[in-house]
C-alpha atoms as a PDB file:
ATOM      1  CA  UNK A   1       0.000   0.000   0.000  1.00  0.00           C
ATOM      2  CA  UNK A   2       1.236   3.474  -0.838  1.00  0.00           C
ATOM      3  CA  UNK A   3       1.071   6.354   1.635  1.00  0.00           C
ATOM      4  CA  UNK A   4       2.206   9.985   1.430  1.00  0.00           C
ATOM      5  CA  UNK A   5       2.982  13.103   3.422  1.00  0.00           C
ATOM      6  CA  UNK A   6       3.118  16.838   2.826  1.00  0.00           C
ATOM      7  CA  UNK A   7       5.248  19.307   4.768  1.00  0.00           C
ATOM      8  CA  UNK A   8       4.120  22.924   4.443  1.00  0.00           C
ATOM      9  CA  UNK A   9       7.411  24.553   5.351  1.00  0.00           C
ATOM     10  CA  UNK A  10       8.513  28.154   5.616  1.00  0.00           C
ATOM     11  CA  UNK A  11      10.836  28.158   2.599  1.00  0.00           C
ATOM     12  CA  UNK A  12       9.197  25.438   0.495  1.00  0.00           C
ATOM     13  CA  UNK A  13       6.414  22.841   0.300  1.00  0.00           C
ATOM     14  CA  UNK A  14       7.474  19.193   0.124  1.00  0.00           C
ATOM     15  CA  UNK A  15       5.588  16.024  -0.697  1.00  0.00           C
ATOM     16  CA  UNK A  16       6.829  12.432  -0.479  1.00  0.00           C
ATOM     17  CA  UNK A  17       5.319   9.100  -1.518  1.00  0.00           C
ATOM     18  CA  UNK A  18       6.234   5.774   0.077  1.00  0.00           C
ATOM     19  CA  UNK A  19       5.529   2.109  -0.634  1.00  0.00           C
ATOM     20  CA  UNK A  20       4.719   0.090   2.458  1.00  0.00           C
ATOM     21  CA  UNK A  21       4.205  -3.462   3.630  1.00  0.00           C
ATOM     22  CA  UNK A  22       3.395  -4.512   7.211  1.00  0.00           C
ATOM     23  CA  UNK A  23       7.153  -4.729   7.863  1.00  0.00           C
ATOM     24  CA  UNK A  24       8.723  -2.083   5.609  1.00  0.00           C
ATOM     25  CA  UNK A  25       8.448   1.457   4.274  1.00  0.00           C
ATOM     26  CA  UNK A  26      10.300   2.552   1.138  1.00  0.00           C
ATOM     27  CA  UNK A  27      10.614   6.040  -0.364  1.00  0.00           C
ATOM     28  CA  UNK A  28       9.411   6.235  -3.985  1.00  0.00           C
ATOM     29  CA  UNK A  29       9.350   9.871  -5.060  1.00  0.00           C
ATOM     30  CA  UNK A  30       9.293  13.429  -3.812  1.00  0.00           C
ATOM     31  CA  UNK A  31       8.278  16.863  -5.047  1.00  0.00           C
ATOM     32  CA  UNK A  32       9.525  20.229  -3.788  1.00  0.00           C
ATOM     33  CA  UNK A  33       7.793  23.516  -4.600  1.00  0.00           C
ATOM     34  CA  UNK A  34       9.652  26.770  -3.774  1.00  0.00           C
ATOM     35  CA  UNK A  35       6.761  28.664  -2.183  1.00  0.00           C
ATOM     36  CA  UNK A  36       8.270  30.901   0.488  1.00  0.00           C
ATOM     37  CA  UNK A  37       5.470  31.485   3.004  1.00  0.00           C
ATOM     38  CA  UNK A  38       7.980  32.959   5.431  1.00  0.00           C
ATOM     39  CA  UNK A  39       8.425  36.115   3.362  1.00  0.00           C
ATOM     40  CA  UNK A  40       4.798  37.083   4.037  1.00  0.00           C
ATOM     41  CA  UNK A  41       4.876  36.105   7.691  1.00  0.00           C
ATOM     42  CA  UNK A  42       8.188  37.654   8.723  1.00  0.00           C
ATOM     43  CA  UNK A  43       7.722  40.847   6.675  1.00  0.00           C
ATOM     44  CA  UNK A  44       3.984  41.529   6.905  1.00  0.00           C
ATOM     45  CA  UNK A  45       3.061  39.452   9.950  1.00  0.00           C
ATOM     46  CA  UNK A  46       0.442  37.379   8.181  1.00  0.00           C
ATOM     47  CA  UNK A  47      -0.219  35.143   5.181  1.00  0.00           C
ATOM     48  CA  UNK A  48      -1.816  37.009   2.285  1.00  0.00           C
ATOM     49  CA  UNK A  49      -4.653  35.628   0.180  1.00  0.00           C
ATOM     50  CA  UNK A  50      -2.556  35.428  -3.013  1.00  0.00           C
ATOM     51  CA  UNK A  51       0.086  33.369  -1.209  1.00  0.00           C
ATOM     52  CA  UNK A  52      -2.571  31.061   0.247  1.00  0.00           C
ATOM     53  CA  UNK A  53      -4.068  30.583  -3.217  1.00  0.00           C
ATOM     54  CA  UNK A  54      -0.608  29.671  -4.519  1.00  0.00           C
ATOM     55  CA  UNK A  55      -0.357  27.127  -1.708  1.00  0.00           C
ATOM     56  CA  UNK A  56      -3.804  25.719  -2.528  1.00  0.00           C
ATOM     57  CA  UNK A  57      -2.831  25.295  -6.188  1.00  0.00           C
ATOM     58  CA  UNK A  58       0.311  23.395  -5.204  1.00  0.00           C
ATOM     59  CA  UNK A  59      -1.469  21.149  -2.697  1.00  0.00           C
ATOM     60  CA  UNK A  60      -4.112  20.271  -5.294  1.00  0.00           C
ATOM     61  CA  UNK A  61      -1.302  19.314  -7.679  1.00  0.00           C
ATOM     62  CA  UNK A  62       0.088  16.992  -5.017  1.00  0.00           C
ATOM     63  CA  UNK A  63      -3.371  15.539  -4.407  1.00  0.00           C
ATOM     64  CA  UNK A  64      -3.806  14.826  -8.111  1.00  0.00           C
ATOM     65  CA  UNK A  65      -0.507  12.977  -8.023  1.00  0.00           C
ATOM     66  CA  UNK A  66      -1.731  10.980  -5.032  1.00  0.00           C
ATOM     67  CA  UNK A  67      -4.911  10.052  -6.907  1.00  0.00           C
ATOM     68  CA  UNK A  68      -2.878   8.805  -9.868  1.00  0.00           C
ATOM     69  CA  UNK A  69      -0.908   6.649  -7.451  1.00  0.00           C
ATOM     70  CA  UNK A  70      -4.102   5.432  -5.733  1.00  0.00           C
ATOM     71  CA  UNK A  71      -3.062   6.991  -2.438  1.00  0.00           C
ATOM     72  CA  UNK A  72      -5.826   7.712   0.035  1.00  0.00           C
ATOM     73  CA  UNK A  73      -3.833   7.786   3.270  1.00  0.00           C
ATOM     74  CA  UNK A  74      -1.716  10.898   3.742  1.00  0.00           C
ATOM     75  CA  UNK A  75      -1.189  13.637   6.296  1.00  0.00           C
ATOM     76  CA  UNK A  76      -0.481  17.329   5.765  1.00  0.00           C
ATOM     77  CA  UNK A  77       1.441  19.249   8.426  1.00  0.00           C
ATOM     78  CA  UNK A  78       2.452  22.894   8.614  1.00  0.00           C
ATOM     79  CA  UNK A  79       5.365  24.286  10.585  1.00  0.00           C
ATOM     80  CA  UNK A  80       6.895  27.655  11.486  1.00  0.00           C
ATOM     81  CA  UNK A  81       5.196  29.981   8.982  1.00  0.00           C
ATOM     82  CA  UNK A  82       1.718  28.737   9.935  1.00  0.00           C
ATOM     83  CA  UNK A  83       2.619  28.719  13.629  1.00  0.00           C
ATOM     84  CA  UNK A  84       3.722  32.338  13.607  1.00  0.00           C
ATOM     85  CA  UNK A  85       1.344  34.064  11.218  1.00  0.00           C
ATOM     86  CA  UNK A  86      -1.217  36.361  12.859  1.00  0.00           C
ATOM     87  CA  UNK A  87      -4.017  34.766  10.831  1.00  0.00           C
ATOM     88  CA  UNK A  88      -2.971  31.179  11.548  1.00  0.00           C
ATOM     89  CA  UNK A  89      -6.419  29.650  12.144  1.00  0.00           C
ATOM     90  CA  UNK A  90      -8.147  31.611   9.385  1.00  0.00           C
ATOM     91  CA  UNK A  91      -5.391  30.675   6.931  1.00  0.00           C
ATOM     92  CA  UNK A  92      -5.527  27.014   7.898  1.00  0.00           C
ATOM     93  CA  UNK A  93      -9.319  26.840   7.555  1.00  0.00           C
ATOM     94  CA  UNK A  94      -9.220  28.649   4.208  1.00  0.00           C
ATOM     95  CA  UNK A  95      -6.712  26.193   2.727  1.00  0.00           C
ATOM     96  CA  UNK A  96      -8.389  23.144   4.298  1.00  0.00           C
ATOM     97  CA  UNK A  97     -11.763  24.044   2.797  1.00  0.00           C
ATOM     98  CA  UNK A  98     -10.213  24.565  -0.623  1.00  0.00           C
ATOM     99  CA  UNK A  99      -8.380  21.220  -0.691  1.00  0.00           C
ATOM    100  CA  UNK A 100     -10.978  19.326   1.394  1.00  0.00           C
ATOM    101  CA  UNK A 101      -8.350  17.770   3.635  1.00  0.00           C
ATOM    102  CA  UNK A 102      -7.235  18.613   7.186  1.00  0.00           C
ATOM    103  CA  UNK A 103      -3.957  20.381   7.897  1.00  0.00           C
ATOM    104  CA  UNK A 104      -2.236  19.933  11.240  1.00  0.00           C
ATOM    105  CA  UNK A 105      -0.117  22.822  12.493  1.00  0.00           C
ATOM    106  CA  UNK A 106       2.582  21.270  14.661  1.00  0.00           C
ATOM    107  CA  UNK A 107       4.483  22.993  17.447  1.00  0.00           C
ATOM    108  CA  UNK A 108       8.236  23.446  17.386  1.00  0.00           C
ATOM    109  CA  UNK A 109       8.672  20.843  20.117  1.00  0.00           C
ATOM    110  CA  UNK A 110       6.567  18.297  18.233  1.00  0.00           C
ATOM    111  CA  UNK A 111       8.660  19.017  15.154  1.00  0.00           C
ATOM    112  CA  UNK A 112      11.788  18.318  17.217  1.00  0.00           C
ATOM    113  CA  UNK A 113      10.292  15.125  18.683  1.00  0.00           C
ATOM    114  CA  UNK A 114       9.483  13.861  15.178  1.00  0.00           C
ATOM    115  CA  UNK A 115      13.228  13.630  14.534  1.00  0.00           C
ATOM    116  CA  UNK A 116      13.197  10.604  16.863  1.00  0.00           C
ATOM    117  CA  UNK A 117      11.665   8.634  13.979  1.00  0.00           C
ATOM    118  CA  UNK A 118      14.909   8.929  12.000  1.00  0.00           C
ATOM    119  CA  UNK A 119      16.351   5.376  11.709  1.00  0.00           C
ATOM    120  CA  UNK A 120      19.546   6.347  13.561  1.00  0.00           C
ATOM    121  CA  UNK A 121      18.156   8.952  15.966  1.00  0.00           C
ATOM    122  CA  UNK A 122      18.293   6.601  18.940  1.00  0.00           C
ATOM    123  CA  UNK A 123      21.645   4.977  18.242  1.00  0.00           C
ATOM    124  CA  UNK A 124      24.368   4.798  20.873  1.00  0.00           C
ATOM    125  CA  UNK A 125      26.564   7.227  18.931  1.00  0.00           C
ATOM    126  CA  UNK A 126      27.008  10.696  20.382  1.00  0.00           C
ATOM    127  CA  UNK A 127      24.860  12.564  17.866  1.00  0.00           C
ATOM    128  CA  UNK A 128      22.890  15.770  17.865  1.00  0.00           C
ATOM    129  CA  UNK A 129      20.236  16.035  15.155  1.00  0.00           C
ATOM    130  CA  UNK A 130      19.615  19.593  13.992  1.00  0.00           C
ATOM    131  CA  UNK A 131      16.897  20.714  11.607  1.00  0.00           C
ATOM    132  CA  UNK A 132      17.454  24.295  10.473  1.00  0.00           C
ATOM    133  CA  UNK A 133      14.353  25.364   8.591  1.00  0.00           C
ATOM    134  CA  UNK A 134      13.235  28.636   7.133  1.00  0.00           C
ATOM    135  CA  UNK A 135      11.631  29.879  10.324  1.00  0.00           C
ATOM    136  CA  UNK A 136      12.829  27.705  13.188  1.00  0.00           C
ATOM    137  CA  UNK A 137      15.559  25.341  14.330  1.00  0.00           C
ATOM    138  CA  UNK A 138      14.769  22.053  16.052  1.00  0.00           C
ATOM    139  CA  UNK A 139      17.286  20.004  18.030  1.00  0.00           C
ATOM    140  CA  UNK A 140      17.053  16.370  19.097  1.00  0.00           C
ATOM    141  CA  UNK A 141      19.483  14.438  21.287  1.00  0.00           C
ATOM    142  CA  UNK A 142      18.965  10.877  22.533  1.00  0.00           C
ATOM    143  CA  UNK A 143      20.934  10.297  25.696  1.00  0.00           C
ATOM    144  CA  UNK A 144      20.579   7.851  28.591  1.00  0.00           C
ATOM    145  CA  UNK A 145      17.231   6.655  27.220  1.00  0.00           C
ATOM    146  CA  UNK A 146      15.955  10.230  27.264  1.00  0.00           C
ATOM    147  CA  UNK A 147      14.621  12.361  24.385  1.00  0.00           C
ATOM    148  CA  UNK A 148      16.165  15.823  24.711  1.00  0.00           C
ATOM    149  CA  UNK A 149      14.311  18.241  22.445  1.00  0.00           C
ATOM    150  CA  UNK A 150      14.111  21.978  21.906  1.00  0.00           C
ATOM    151  CA  UNK A 151      12.920  24.449  19.288  1.00  0.00           C
ATOM    152  CA  UNK A 152      14.206  27.950  18.607  1.00  0.00           C
ATOM    153  CA  UNK A 153      12.801  30.853  16.598  1.00  0.00           C
ATOM    154  CA  UNK A 154      15.921  30.974  14.434  1.00  0.00           C
ATOM    155  CA  UNK A 155      15.752  30.128  10.756  1.00  0.00           C
ATOM    156  CA  UNK A 156      17.308  30.694   7.362  1.00  0.00           C
ATOM    157  CA  UNK A 157      14.514  32.849   5.939  1.00  0.00           C
ATOM    158  CA  UNK A 158      14.227  34.762   9.215  1.00  0.00           C
ATOM    159  CA  UNK A 159      17.956  35.406   9.083  1.00  0.00           C
ATOM    160  CA  UNK A 160      17.883  36.570   5.474  1.00  0.00           C
ATOM    161  CA  UNK A 161      15.213  39.101   6.487  1.00  0.00           C
ATOM    162  CA  UNK A 162      17.181  40.107   9.618  1.00  0.00           C
ATOM    163  CA  UNK A 163      14.465  38.679  11.869  1.00  0.00           C
ATOM    164  CA  UNK A 164      16.596  36.279  13.928  1.00  0.00           C
ATOM    165  CA  UNK A 165      16.276  37.974  17.315  1.00  0.00           C
ATOM    166  CA  UNK A 166      19.345  38.385  19.543  1.00  0.00           C
ATOM    167  CA  UNK A 167      17.379  37.152  22.560  1.00  0.00           C
ATOM    168  CA  UNK A 168      16.663  33.889  20.758  1.00  0.00           C
ATOM    169  CA  UNK A 169      20.351  33.462  19.920  1.00  0.00           C
ATOM    170  CA  UNK A 170      21.057  33.924  23.612  1.00  0.00           C
ATOM    171  CA  UNK A 171      18.420  31.341  24.556  1.00  0.00           C
ATOM    172  CA  UNK A 172      19.996  28.874  22.093  1.00  0.00           C
ATOM    173  CA  UNK A 173      23.470  29.410  23.549  1.00  0.00           C
ATOM    174  CA  UNK A 174      22.292  29.084  27.144  1.00  0.00           C
ATOM    175  CA  UNK A 175      20.423  25.860  26.378  1.00  0.00           C
ATOM    176  CA  UNK A 176      23.365  24.327  24.503  1.00  0.00           C
ATOM    177  CA  UNK A 177      25.751  25.105  27.359  1.00  0.00           C
ATOM    178  CA  UNK A 178      23.669  22.780  29.554  1.00  0.00           C
ATOM    179  CA  UNK A 179      24.006  19.847  27.139  1.00  0.00           C
ATOM    180  CA  UNK A 180      26.765  17.249  27.023  1.00  0.00           C
ATOM    181  CA  UNK A 181      29.315  17.510  24.222  1.00  0.00           C
ATOM    182  CA  UNK A 182      28.685  15.329  21.155  1.00  0.00           C
ATOM    183  CA  UNK A 183      30.902  14.011  18.370  1.00  0.00           C
ATOM    184  CA  UNK A 184      28.603  14.327  15.365  1.00  0.00           C
ATOM    185  CA  UNK A 185      26.037  16.838  14.210  1.00  0.00           C
ATOM    186  CA  UNK A 186      23.513  15.350  11.783  1.00  0.00           C
ATOM    187  CA  UNK A 187      21.929  18.163   9.798  1.00  0.00           C
ATOM    188  CA  UNK A 188      18.435  17.835   8.380  1.00  0.00           C
ATOM    189  CA  UNK A 189      17.164  20.005   5.571  1.00  0.00           C
ATOM    190  CA  UNK A 190      18.202  21.109   2.122  1.00  0.00           C
ATOM    191  CA  UNK A 191      20.694  23.797   3.105  1.00  0.00           C
ATOM    192  CA  UNK A 192      23.286  21.602   4.801  1.00  0.00           C
ATOM    193  CA  UNK A 193      22.769  18.898   2.197  1.00  0.00           C
ATOM    194  CA  UNK A 194      23.256  21.361  -0.677  1.00  0.00           C
ATOM    195  CA  UNK A 195      26.354  22.797   0.964  1.00  0.00           C
ATOM    196  CA  UNK A 196      28.050  19.421   1.449  1.00  0.00           C
ATOM    197  CA  UNK A 197      27.027  18.376  -2.066  1.00  0.00           C
ATOM    198  CA  UNK A 198      29.211  21.184  -3.407  1.00  0.00           C
ATOM    199  CA  UNK A 199      32.171  19.238  -2.033  1.00  0.00           C
ATOM    200  CA  UNK A 200      30.747  15.893  -3.202  1.00  0.00           C
ATOM    201  CA  UNK A 201      30.347  14.579   0.320  1.00  0.00           C
ATOM    202  CA  UNK A 202      27.726  14.045   2.994  1.00  0.00           C
ATOM    203  CA  UNK A 203      30.036  14.858   5.911  1.00  0.00           C
ATOM    204  CA  UNK A 204      32.884  17.207   6.761  1.00  0.00           C
ATOM    205  CA  UNK A 205      35.109  18.097   9.740  1.00  0.00           C
ATOM    206  CA  UNK A 206      33.632  21.095  11.525  1.00  0.00           C
ATOM    207  CA  UNK A 207      36.749  23.237  11.072  1.00  0.00           C
ATOM    208  CA  UNK A 208      36.715  22.636   7.301  1.00  0.00           C
ATOM    209  CA  UNK A 209      33.020  23.414   7.116  1.00  0.00           C
ATOM    210  CA  UNK A 210      33.551  26.726   8.893  1.00  0.00           C
ATOM    211  CA  UNK A 211      36.320  27.682   6.461  1.00  0.00           C
ATOM    212  CA  UNK A 212      34.312  26.717   3.358  1.00  0.00           C
ATOM    213  CA  UNK A 213      31.180  28.430   4.723  1.00  0.00           C
ATOM    214  CA  UNK A 214      33.152  31.665   5.065  1.00  0.00           C
ATOM    215  CA  UNK A 215      34.350  31.321   1.477  1.00  0.00           C
ATOM    216  CA  UNK A 216      30.797  30.732   0.268  1.00  0.00           C
ATOM    217  CA  UNK A 217      29.567  33.704   2.274  1.00  0.00           C
ATOM    218  CA  UNK A 218      32.030  35.990   0.508  1.00  0.00           C
ATOM    219  CA  UNK A 219      30.366  35.284  -2.867  1.00  0.00           C
ATOM    220  CA  UNK A 220      27.484  37.266  -4.285  1.00  0.00           C
ATOM    221  CA  UNK A 221      24.094  35.665  -4.874  1.00  0.00           C
ATOM    222  CA  UNK A 222      24.744  35.359  -8.606  1.00  0.00           C
ATOM    223  CA  UNK A 223      28.182  33.865  -7.999  1.00  0.00           C
ATOM    224  CA  UNK A 224      26.672  31.214  -5.710  1.00  0.00           C
ATOM    225  CA  UNK A 225      24.123  30.316  -8.360  1.00  0.00           C
ATOM    226  CA  UNK A 226      26.576  30.232 -11.287  1.00  0.00           C
ATOM    227  CA  UNK A 227      29.544  28.630  -9.541  1.00  0.00           C
ATOM    228  CA  UNK A 228      27.695  25.987  -7.549  1.00  0.00           C
ATOM    229  CA  UNK A 229      24.431  25.631  -9.485  1.00  0.00           C
ATOM    230  CA  UNK A 230      22.372  26.515  -6.430  1.00  0.00           C
ATOM    231  CA  UNK A 231      18.703  27.341  -6.885  1.00  0.00           C
ATOM    232  CA  UNK A 232      17.863  30.983  -6.218  1.00  0.00           C
ATOM    233  CA  UNK A 233      15.726  30.145  -3.177  1.00  0.00           C
ATOM    234  CA  UNK A 234      18.639  28.124  -1.783  1.00  0.00           C
ATOM    235  CA  UNK A 235      21.442  30.532  -2.599  1.00  0.00           C
ATOM    236  CA  UNK A 236      19.849  33.477  -0.802  1.00  0.00           C
ATOM    237  CA  UNK A 237      19.332  31.665   2.526  1.00  0.00           C
ATOM    238  CA  UNK A 238      22.138  29.099   2.741  1.00  0.00           C
ATOM    239  CA  UNK A 239      24.574  31.424   4.558  1.00  0.00           C
ATOM    240  CA  UNK A 240      22.027  32.074   7.305  1.00  0.00           C
ATOM    241  CA  UNK A 241      21.363  28.363   7.751  1.00  0.00           C
ATOM    242  CA  UNK A 242      25.090  27.615   7.996  1.00  0.00           C
ATOM    243  CA  UNK A 243      25.497  30.272  10.714  1.00  0.00           C
ATOM    244  CA  UNK A 244      23.064  28.346  12.907  1.00  0.00           C
ATOM    245  CA  UNK A 245      24.644  24.942  12.260  1.00  0.00           C
ATOM    246  CA  UNK A 246      28.098  26.353  13.000  1.00  0.00           C
ATOM    247  CA  UNK A 247      27.020  28.043  16.235  1.00  0.00           C
ATOM    248  CA  UNK A 248      25.526  24.777  17.493  1.00  0.00           C
ATOM    249  CA  UNK A 249      28.578  22.769  16.399  1.00  0.00           C
ATOM    250  CA  UNK A 250      30.953  25.149  18.192  1.00  0.00           C
ATOM    251  CA  UNK A 251      29.061  25.135  21.480  1.00  0.00           C
ATOM    252  CA  UNK A 252      28.716  21.335  21.527  1.00  0.00           C
ATOM    253  CA  UNK A 253      32.348  20.794  20.449  1.00  0.00           C
ATOM    254  CA  UNK A 254      31.192  18.791  17.427  1.00  0.00           C
ATOM    255  CA  UNK A 255      34.013  17.206  15.427  1.00  0.00           C
ATOM    256  CA  UNK A 256      32.096  16.266  12.272  1.00  0.00           C
ATOM    257  CA  UNK A 257      28.968  17.578  10.569  1.00  0.00           C
ATOM    258  CA  UNK A 258      26.896  15.212   8.442  1.00  0.00           C
ATOM    259  CA  UNK A 259      23.786  15.590   6.319  1.00  0.00           C
ATOM    260  CA  UNK A 260      20.760  13.379   5.858  1.00  0.00           C
ATOM    261  CA  UNK A 261      17.922  13.374   3.352  1.00  0.00           C
ATOM    262  CA  UNK A 262      15.489  12.871   6.226  1.00  0.00           C
ATOM    263  CA  UNK A 263      12.981  15.603   6.961  1.00  0.00           C
ATOM    264  CA  UNK A 264       9.590  16.352   8.481  1.00  0.00           C
ATOM    265  CA  UNK A 265       7.778  14.661   5.599  1.00  0.00           C
ATOM    266  CA  UNK A 266       9.711  11.427   6.219  1.00  0.00           C
ATOM    267  CA  UNK A 267       8.882  11.435   9.916  1.00  0.00           C
ATOM    268  CA  UNK A 268       5.199  12.100   9.224  1.00  0.00           C
ATOM    269  CA  UNK A 269       5.128   9.204   6.754  1.00  0.00           C
ATOM    270  CA  UNK A 270       6.742   6.862   9.277  1.00  0.00           C
ATOM    271  CA  UNK A 271       4.190   7.959  11.866  1.00  0.00           C
ATOM    272  CA  UNK A 272       1.399   7.204   9.370  1.00  0.00           C
ATOM    273  CA  UNK A 273       3.040   3.835   8.617  1.00  0.00           C
ATOM    274  CA  UNK A 274       2.964   2.860  12.297  1.00  0.00           C
ATOM    275  CA  UNK A 275      -0.680   3.902  12.565  1.00  0.00           C
ATOM    276  CA  UNK A 276      -1.587   1.953   9.438  1.00  0.00           C
ATOM    277  CA  UNK A 277      -0.101  -1.350  10.542  1.00  0.00           C
ATOM    278  CA  UNK A 278      -0.500  -1.171  14.319  1.00  0.00           C
ATOM    279  CA  UNK A 279      -2.701  -3.773  15.968  1.00  0.00           C
ATOM    280  CA  UNK A 280      -6.239  -2.670  16.619  1.00  0.00           C
ATOM    281  CA  UNK A 281      -6.806  -1.556  20.187  1.00  0.00           C
ATOM    282  CA  UNK A 282      -9.937  -2.546  22.044  1.00  0.00           C
ATOM    283  CA  UNK A 283     -11.048  -0.122  24.727  1.00  0.00           C
ATOM    284  CA  UNK A 284     -13.388  -1.462  27.363  1.00  0.00           C
ATOM    285  CA  UNK A 285     -15.208   0.431  30.064  1.00  0.00           C
ATOM    286  CA  UNK A 286     -15.073  -0.804  33.644  1.00  0.00           C
END
């Protein structure tokens, strides 16, 4: 049976389709649409009707693709942009009514907890998983059988628009100082993956990454696009994302930074997979 998920992010909308059996889940295909909801939210304070209509058009395209693949089971979640917009509930209801499917706005902490569904999130290695999105950064550490999670209002689109607040940077630093040091930082999201892809790798020593990030930051937007074939909506925010990864890596004394293709849409699909194949529960009243 095929299932799917949609992540309404701050910098882009992502959809993924998976093939499942009672004992396995396998990624088939994904679509990314560069709709930057964060620009409306962080500049104007709310999501405008034209941007919502653009979102509706994209979601309907995804739904048509699901129909062609005979997919009836899928979940749509929305993250930072929908959390922070002044018209959050009105915007959600408007889009839901247009696409005739519910949308779940998840909190930053739930977004961080979803990282636990990554196949290696609960390994014995000393890892910190960091998801730097357009509007927020989520951190997940598994240590001594405990899920350590936190979310911060720091993101790549926020940073590009000079909306990453100094008080939130301070909160991040204070929280990280209380955590144990780790060896590896596993970065989720397209920015860290795109950066490491430039060097044809999925991991890099932290000191090298800092040096190369500084070199990238010295280039103009057009130079980033031409030299490294970065998409426009990646090239203009990648420096801000790297700043956050580097700050976290420094404070946790991380030796190596890795990337993963895993994201919110993968976690949501795995959650749906577990719900689909879990044993039925009988509730009795005493």
